[in-house]
């Protein structure tokens, strides 16, 4: 028979060590006994009710059945004949509980119970630890959304990069990694905190990214004080991760050259940004509110002869020499596609054989 005192001692120990409520552990045990009973004595259709009373040191197991004149499902129904002298106390369709506690004295049943209970407890403990870890990570990052944080690679496991942040391990999922990055133990990377929220179904979630385009202005702000103090505004960013990024910048201060501020002497600032992005190319375009000029510069490094725009359908025709086509398009049309995204104009190229006045 089940030793209630041992069960109570085990509940108290697990509750204290794993910070799991006693009520939750009692639910696990009751559910395990119910599963074991259905497996060894009843059927999956039976409605088995288990009540574990630690104060009285007893356990009660009952099976719920409906009283009927003719039984069609013995697992859920009982006839008046089976009730014997108690039949007069009930009417058809009454639901009764039959005490079956004394029916389960075999050692095989309790062996089955202990196995099921152990598995259930292990699963709950693992889930509890996981939930606690998710909550802790959420608390760490909830006030750091839209920031970049330097983190060290601990290990790579099944495609996931495990990072260290203040002695806590956090995951950079494969979907948010950049293929150019060399993720090796002890390497450091700036990681962008793109989201931190509580999902109704899955609980706390933190999404870290190396792929999010907003990592670029966040890193720029680390190296360009004029961006950090909002003297320079980053109006738009478009990106093909690990290939190329284009940044549209502007300022309201006549004494500040926004492009020069981001590039700086010997390109030191923009090179620092590119290094943090594993040497992803970064183009800086000044937003001077002249659409034709912005479109022309957005096709860097190509030299543009003329730009015609149609504001009605947001299209632009860009005239270039034939030999400039490769520069304007670049690999896999990346350059022209980014230029279209940056300027919000659908850009098409018109090639000319020679420069005309």
Protein backbone atom coordinates (compact mmCIF):
# COMPACT_ATOMS: atom_id res chain seq x y z
CA UNK A 1 0.00 0.00 0.00
CA UNK A 2 1.07 3.59 -0.53
CA UNK A 3 3.10 5.07 2.35
CA UNK A 4 1.53 8.50 2.78
CA UNK A 5 4.22 9.62 5.23
CA UNK A 6 6.95 8.99 2.66
CA UNK A 7 4.92 10.81 0.03
CA UNK A 8 4.52 13.81 2.33
CA UNK A 9 8.25 13.88 3.11
CA UNK A 10 9.10 13.73 -0.61
CA UNK A 11 6.64 16.55 -1.38
CA UNK A 12 8.12 18.76 1.33
CA UNK A 13 11.67 18.13 0.10
CA UNK A 14 10.97 18.73 -3.61
CA UNK A 15 8.86 21.80 -2.83
CA UNK A 16 11.69 23.34 -0.79
CA UNK A 17 14.52 22.47 -3.20
CA UNK A 18 12.82 23.20 -6.54
CA UNK A 19 10.47 26.01 -5.44
CA UNK A 20 7.41 24.11 -6.66
CA UNK A 21 4.17 24.47 -4.72
CA UNK A 22 2.96 21.49 -2.66
CA UNK A 23 -0.43 21.76 -4.37
CA UNK A 24 1.25 21.28 -7.75
CA UNK A 25 3.10 18.20 -6.52
CA UNK A 26 -0.07 16.74 -5.02
CA UNK A 27 -1.74 17.23 -8.41
CA UNK A 28 1.13 15.29 -10.01
CA UNK A 29 0.71 12.37 -7.59
CA UNK A 30 -3.08 12.27 -7.95
CA UNK A 31 -2.73 12.34 -11.74
CA UNK A 32 -0.13 9.54 -11.65
CA UNK A 33 -2.36 7.31 -9.48
CA UNK A 34 -5.27 8.00 -11.83
CA UNK A 35 -3.15 7.00 -14.87
CA UNK A 36 -1.82 3.89 -13.15
CA UNK A 37 -5.34 2.80 -12.14
CA UNK A 38 -6.67 3.18 -15.69
CA UNK A 39 -3.71 1.19 -17.00
CA UNK A 40 -3.90 -1.74 -14.56
CA UNK A 41 -7.57 -1.90 -13.50
CA UNK A 42 -9.82 0.28 -15.60
CA UNK A 43 -9.95 1.83 -19.04
CA UNK A 44 -9.20 5.15 -20.65
CA UNK A 45 -12.92 5.98 -20.73
CA UNK A 46 -13.35 5.84 -16.96
CA UNK A 47 -13.61 9.05 -14.97
CA UNK A 48 -11.30 8.26 -12.07
CA UNK A 49 -11.14 10.70 -9.14
CA UNK A 50 -8.15 10.65 -6.77
CA UNK A 51 -7.97 12.64 -3.54
CA UNK A 52 -4.75 12.65 -1.51
CA UNK A 53 -5.27 13.96 2.03
CA UNK A 54 -1.91 14.55 3.69
CA UNK A 55 -3.44 15.80 6.93
CA UNK A 56 -5.44 12.61 7.43
CA UNK A 57 -2.70 10.49 5.81
CA UNK A 58 -5.14 8.74 3.52
CA UNK A 59 -5.94 8.41 -0.16
CA UNK A 60 -9.32 7.93 -1.75
CA UNK A 61 -9.85 6.57 -5.26
CA UNK A 62 -13.31 6.59 -6.80
CA UNK A 63 -14.76 5.87 -10.22
CA UNK A 64 -17.62 7.96 -11.50
CA UNK A 65 -20.45 6.08 -13.26
CA UNK A 66 -23.94 6.82 -14.54
CA UNK A 67 -26.88 4.67 -13.37
CA UNK A 68 -28.75 3.13 -16.32
CA UNK A 69 -31.28 0.36 -16.88
CA UNK A 70 -29.15 -1.31 -19.54
CA UNK A 71 -25.37 -0.91 -19.64
CA UNK A 72 -23.79 -0.20 -23.02
CA UNK A 73 -20.41 1.01 -21.74
CA UNK A 74 -19.25 -0.70 -18.52
CA UNK A 75 -16.47 1.85 -18.10
CA UNK A 76 -18.88 4.73 -17.57
CA UNK A 77 -22.21 3.07 -16.67
CA UNK A 78 -23.64 0.82 -13.95
CA UNK A 79 -26.99 -1.01 -13.85
CA UNK A 80 -29.52 -1.14 -11.04
CA UNK A 81 -28.80 -4.86 -10.67
CA UNK A 82 -25.14 -4.14 -9.89
CA UNK A 83 -26.17 -1.75 -7.12
CA UNK A 84 -27.97 -4.54 -5.28
CA UNK A 85 -29.77 -3.26 -2.16
CA UNK A 86 -28.65 0.32 -2.86
CA UNK A 87 -30.60 0.44 -6.13
CA UNK A 88 -33.66 1.99 -4.50
CA UNK A 89 -31.63 5.05 -3.53
CA UNK A 90 -31.03 6.07 -7.14
CA UNK A 91 -32.85 7.01 -10.31
CA UNK A 92 -31.81 6.45 -13.90
CA UNK A 93 -29.09 8.88 -15.09
CA UNK A 94 -27.89 9.61 -11.59
CA UNK A 95 -24.09 9.95 -11.42
CA UNK A 96 -22.46 8.11 -8.53
CA UNK A 97 -18.93 7.61 -7.25
CA UNK A 98 -17.78 4.07 -6.46
CA UNK A 99 -14.95 3.74 -3.94
CA UNK A 100 -12.30 1.43 -5.41
CA UNK A 101 -9.49 2.26 -2.97
CA UNK A 102 -9.48 -1.25 -1.50
CA UNK A 103 -9.23 -2.89 -4.91
CA UNK A 104 -5.65 -1.81 -5.57
CA UNK A 105 -3.34 -3.52 -3.16
CA UNK A 106 -1.07 -5.29 -5.63
CA UNK A 107 2.61 -4.36 -5.75
CA UNK A 108 2.50 -4.18 -9.54
CA UNK A 109 0.02 -1.30 -9.36
CA UNK A 110 2.17 0.71 -6.98
CA UNK A 111 5.26 -0.03 -9.05
CA UNK A 112 3.39 1.40 -12.04
CA UNK A 113 2.30 4.40 -9.98
CA UNK A 114 5.84 5.23 -8.81
CA UNK A 115 7.16 5.03 -12.37
CA UNK A 116 4.46 7.34 -13.74
CA UNK A 117 4.71 9.73 -10.78
CA UNK A 118 8.49 9.97 -11.14
CA UNK A 119 8.22 10.76 -14.85
CA UNK A 120 5.51 13.37 -14.26
CA UNK A 121 7.43 15.01 -11.42
CA UNK A 122 10.60 15.13 -13.53
CA UNK A 123 8.75 16.80 -16.39
CA UNK A 124 7.17 19.39 -14.10
CA UNK A 125 10.48 20.14 -12.39
CA UNK A 126 12.23 20.59 -15.74
CA UNK A 127 9.41 22.84 -16.96
CA UNK A 128 9.49 24.83 -13.71
CA UNK A 129 13.23 25.37 -14.01
CA UNK A 130 12.82 26.38 -17.66
CA UNK A 131 10.00 28.80 -16.79
CA UNK A 132 12.11 30.30 -14.02
CA UNK A 133 15.05 30.71 -16.40
CA UNK A 134 12.86 32.40 -19.01
CA UNK A 135 11.53 34.82 -16.40
CA UNK A 136 15.05 35.63 -15.23
CA UNK A 137 16.22 36.35 -18.79
CA UNK A 138 13.15 38.49 -19.39
CA UNK A 139 13.91 40.55 -16.27
CA UNK A 140 17.48 41.03 -17.49
CA UNK A 141 16.50 42.42 -20.88
CA UNK A 142 13.04 43.99 -20.52
CA UNK A 143 14.56 47.46 -20.00
CA UNK A 144 17.15 47.02 -22.77
CA UNK A 145 14.88 46.68 -25.82
CA UNK A 146 16.33 48.44 -28.89
CA UNK A 147 19.80 48.48 -27.36
CA UNK A 148 22.95 46.62 -28.37
CA UNK A 149 24.87 44.67 -25.75
CA UNK A 150 28.33 43.16 -26.05
CA UNK A 151 28.21 39.44 -25.28
CA UNK A 152 30.72 36.61 -25.33
CA UNK A 153 30.16 33.32 -27.15
CA UNK A 154 30.13 30.39 -24.72
CA UNK A 155 29.42 27.55 -27.13
CA UNK A 156 27.58 26.55 -30.29
CA UNK A 157 24.94 23.86 -29.85
CA UNK A 158 22.63 22.46 -32.56
CA UNK A 159 22.92 25.62 -34.61
CA UNK A 160 22.16 27.89 -31.64
CA UNK A 161 24.81 30.26 -30.35
CA UNK A 162 24.96 30.33 -26.54
CA UNK A 163 26.06 33.74 -25.25
CA UNK A 164 27.09 34.92 -21.81
CA UNK A 165 25.58 38.04 -20.30
CA UNK A 166 26.46 38.81 -16.67
CA UNK A 167 27.04 35.10 -16.01
CA UNK A 168 23.70 34.17 -17.56
CA UNK A 169 23.46 32.02 -20.67
CA UNK A 170 21.20 33.36 -23.43
CA UNK A 171 20.46 31.98 -26.87
CA UNK A 172 21.01 33.63 -30.23
CA UNK A 173 18.77 31.48 -32.45
CA UNK A 174 19.89 30.42 -35.90
CA UNK A 175 17.18 32.56 -37.51
CA UNK A 176 18.79 35.70 -36.02
CA UNK A 177 22.41 34.85 -36.85
CA UNK A 178 24.47 36.30 -39.69
CA UNK A 179 26.45 33.84 -41.77
CA UNK A 180 29.51 36.12 -42.03
CA UNK A 181 29.91 36.14 -38.22
CA UNK A 182 32.52 33.74 -36.90
CA UNK A 183 30.82 32.29 -33.83
CA UNK A 184 33.57 30.63 -31.83
CA UNK A 185 33.99 30.31 -28.04
CA UNK A 186 35.21 33.54 -26.37
CA UNK A 187 34.46 35.70 -29.43
CA UNK A 188 32.52 38.88 -28.59
CA UNK A 189 29.65 40.36 -30.57
CA UNK A 190 27.24 43.23 -30.18
CA UNK A 191 23.76 41.72 -30.08
CA UNK A 192 20.56 43.70 -30.61
CA UNK A 193 17.67 43.27 -28.17
CA UNK A 194 14.79 43.48 -30.63
CA UNK A 195 11.92 42.36 -28.34
CA UNK A 196 11.13 41.42 -24.75
CA UNK A 197 7.52 40.56 -23.97
CA UNK A 198 5.26 38.08 -22.19
CA UNK A 199 3.35 35.75 -24.49
CA UNK A 200 -0.01 34.54 -23.14
CA UNK A 201 0.72 30.95 -24.16
CA UNK A 202 4.49 30.52 -23.92
CA UNK A 203 5.34 33.03 -21.19
CA UNK A 204 8.28 35.48 -21.15
CA UNK A 205 10.20 35.86 -24.42
CA UNK A 206 13.35 37.76 -25.35
CA UNK A 207 14.46 37.98 -28.97
CA UNK A 208 18.13 38.75 -29.59
CA UNK A 209 19.40 39.40 -33.09
CA UNK A 210 22.44 40.01 -35.23
CA UNK A 211 20.26 40.17 -38.33
CA UNK A 212 17.80 42.94 -37.40
CA UNK A 213 18.52 46.08 -39.44
CA UNK A 214 18.13 48.23 -36.32
CA UNK A 215 21.37 46.84 -34.95
CA UNK A 216 23.17 49.17 -37.40
CA UNK A 217 22.02 52.56 -36.02
CA UNK A 218 22.43 51.21 -32.48
CA UNK A 219 26.07 50.36 -33.20
CA UNK A 220 26.61 53.64 -35.05
CA UNK A 221 25.46 55.49 -31.92
CA UNK A 222 28.27 53.80 -29.98
CA UNK A 223 30.93 55.31 -32.26
CA UNK A 224 29.30 58.56 -33.40
CA UNK A 225 28.47 60.91 -30.49
CA UNK A 226 26.47 63.17 -32.81
CA UNK A 227 24.04 60.28 -33.40
CA UNK A 228 23.97 59.37 -29.70
CA UNK A 229 23.01 62.93 -28.71
CA UNK A 230 20.53 63.26 -31.65
CA UNK A 231 22.48 66.02 -33.39
CA UNK A 232 22.36 63.68 -36.39
CA UNK A 233 19.21 61.77 -37.24
CA UNK A 234 19.18 58.37 -38.91
CA UNK A 235 16.13 58.67 -41.15
CA UNK A 236 16.15 55.20 -42.69
CA UNK A 237 18.19 52.00 -42.70
CA UNK A 238 17.95 49.16 -45.21
CA UNK A 239 20.04 46.03 -45.02
CA UNK A 240 20.96 42.72 -46.56
CA UNK A 241 22.64 41.10 -43.53
CA UNK A 242 26.37 40.34 -44.03
CA UNK A 243 26.26 41.89 -47.54
CA UNK A 244 25.44 45.60 -47.46
CA UNK A 245 23.63 48.29 -45.48
CA UNK A 246 22.56 51.75 -46.59
CA UNK A 247 21.96 54.48 -44.03
CA UNK A 248 20.09 57.73 -44.72
CA UNK A 249 21.17 60.53 -42.36
CA UNK A 250 20.30 64.19 -41.82
CA UNK A 251 20.85 67.07 -39.41
CA UNK A 252 19.24 70.37 -38.51
CA UNK A 253 22.60 71.93 -37.65
CA UNK A 254 24.41 73.85 -40.43
CA UNK A 255 27.78 73.35 -38.76
CA UNK A 256 27.50 69.55 -38.84
CA UNK A 257 28.28 67.45 -41.90
CA UNK A 258 26.36 64.21 -41.19
CA UNK A 259 28.25 62.08 -43.71
CA UNK A 260 31.64 63.26 -42.47
CA UNK A 261 30.60 62.70 -38.85
CA UNK A 262 29.76 59.06 -39.57
CA UNK A 263 32.86 58.50 -41.72
CA UNK A 264 35.39 60.67 -39.82
CA UNK A 265 39.10 61.00 -40.48
CA UNK A 266 40.60 58.02 -42.30
CA UNK A 267 37.14 56.44 -42.24
CA UNK A 268 37.79 55.44 -38.64
CA UNK A 269 34.17 55.60 -37.42
CA UNK A 270 32.48 53.80 -40.28
CA UNK A 271 35.26 51.20 -40.29
CA UNK A 272 34.60 50.56 -36.60
CA UNK A 273 30.92 50.02 -37.39
CA UNK A 274 31.75 47.72 -40.29
CA UNK A 275 34.12 45.72 -38.09
CA UNK A 276 31.34 45.18 -35.55
CA UNK A 277 29.17 43.92 -38.43
CA UNK A 278 31.87 41.45 -39.56
CA UNK A 279 32.95 43.87 -42.31
CA UNK A 280 29.55 44.27 -43.88
CA UNK A 281 29.64 47.18 -46.35
CA UNK A 282 27.94 50.36 -45.09
CA UNK A 283 26.94 53.20 -47.43
CA UNK A 284 26.18 56.61 -45.90
CA UNK A 285 23.72 58.82 -47.82
CA UNK A 286 22.82 62.36 -46.74
CA UNK A 287 19.13 63.15 -46.67
CA UNK A 288 18.97 66.67 -48.15
CA UNK A 289 15.25 66.34 -49.03
CA UNK A 290 16.09 66.39 -52.76
CA UNK A 291 14.60 63.15 -54.06
CA UNK A 292 16.62 63.02 -57.26
CA UNK A 293 19.86 63.66 -55.42
CA UNK A 294 19.12 61.03 -52.78
CA UNK A 295 18.24 58.43 -55.43
CA UNK A 296 21.44 59.24 -57.31
CA UNK A 297 23.62 58.87 -54.21
CA UNK A 298 21.79 55.74 -53.06
CA UNK A 299 23.16 53.89 -56.11
CA UNK A 300 26.74 54.35 -54.90
CA UNK A 301 29.28 53.33 -56.17
CA UNK A 302 27.71 53.80 -59.61
CA UNK A 303 27.93 57.23 -61.31
CA UNK A 304 24.46 58.49 -62.25
CA UNK A 305 23.91 60.78 -65.24
CA UNK A 306 20.29 61.82 -64.66
CA UNK A 307 17.24 60.92 -62.57
CA UNK A 308 13.59 61.27 -63.57
CA UNK A 309 10.95 60.69 -60.91
CA UNK A 310 7.21 60.20 -60.95
CA UNK A 311 5.65 61.02 -57.60
CA UNK A 312 2.27 59.67 -58.70
CA UNK A 313 3.43 56.05 -58.69
CA UNK A 314 6.74 56.47 -56.81
CA UNK A 315 8.90 55.34 -59.70
CA UNK A 316 12.25 56.63 -60.85
CA UNK A 317 14.21 56.26 -64.08
CA UNK A 318 17.95 56.46 -63.53
CA UNK A 319 20.22 57.09 -66.53
CA UNK A 320 23.69 55.57 -66.36
CA UNK A 321 26.47 54.64 -68.74
CA UNK A 322 26.40 50.98 -69.75
CA UNK A 323 29.71 50.32 -68.01
CA UNK A 324 28.19 51.54 -64.72
CA UNK A 325 25.39 48.96 -64.76
CA UNK A 326 27.30 46.34 -62.75
CA UNK A 327 28.09 48.87 -60.02
CA UNK A 328 24.48 50.09 -59.85
CA UNK A 329 23.04 46.60 -59.64
CA UNK A 330 25.84 44.89 -57.73
CA UNK A 331 25.64 41.24 -56.66
CA UNK A 332 22.19 39.69 -57.10
CA UNK A 333 20.68 43.16 -57.60
CA UNK A 334 21.40 43.96 -53.95
CA UNK A 335 22.49 47.56 -54.54
CA UNK A 336 19.54 48.70 -56.62
CA UNK A 337 17.05 46.84 -54.41
CA UNK A 338 18.44 48.50 -51.30
CA UNK A 339 18.37 51.88 -53.05
CA UNK A 340 14.68 51.37 -53.87
CA UNK A 341 13.91 50.43 -50.26
CA UNK A 342 15.89 53.36 -48.90
CA UNK A 343 14.21 55.99 -51.08
CA UNK A 344 10.73 54.39 -51.28
CA UNK A 345 10.94 54.65 -55.08
CA UNK A 346 10.85 51.77 -57.55
CA UNK A 347 14.07 52.40 -59.46
CA UNK A 348 14.67 51.26 -63.03
CA UNK A 349 17.91 51.77 -64.97
CA UNK A 350 18.19 53.32 -68.41
CA UNK A 351 21.55 52.58 -70.03
CA UNK A 352 23.16 55.00 -72.44
CA UNK A 353 26.22 54.32 -74.54
CA UNK A 354 27.97 57.62 -73.91
CA UNK A 355 27.61 60.66 -71.74
CA UNK A 356 25.52 63.45 -73.24
CA UNK A 357 25.40 67.09 -72.18
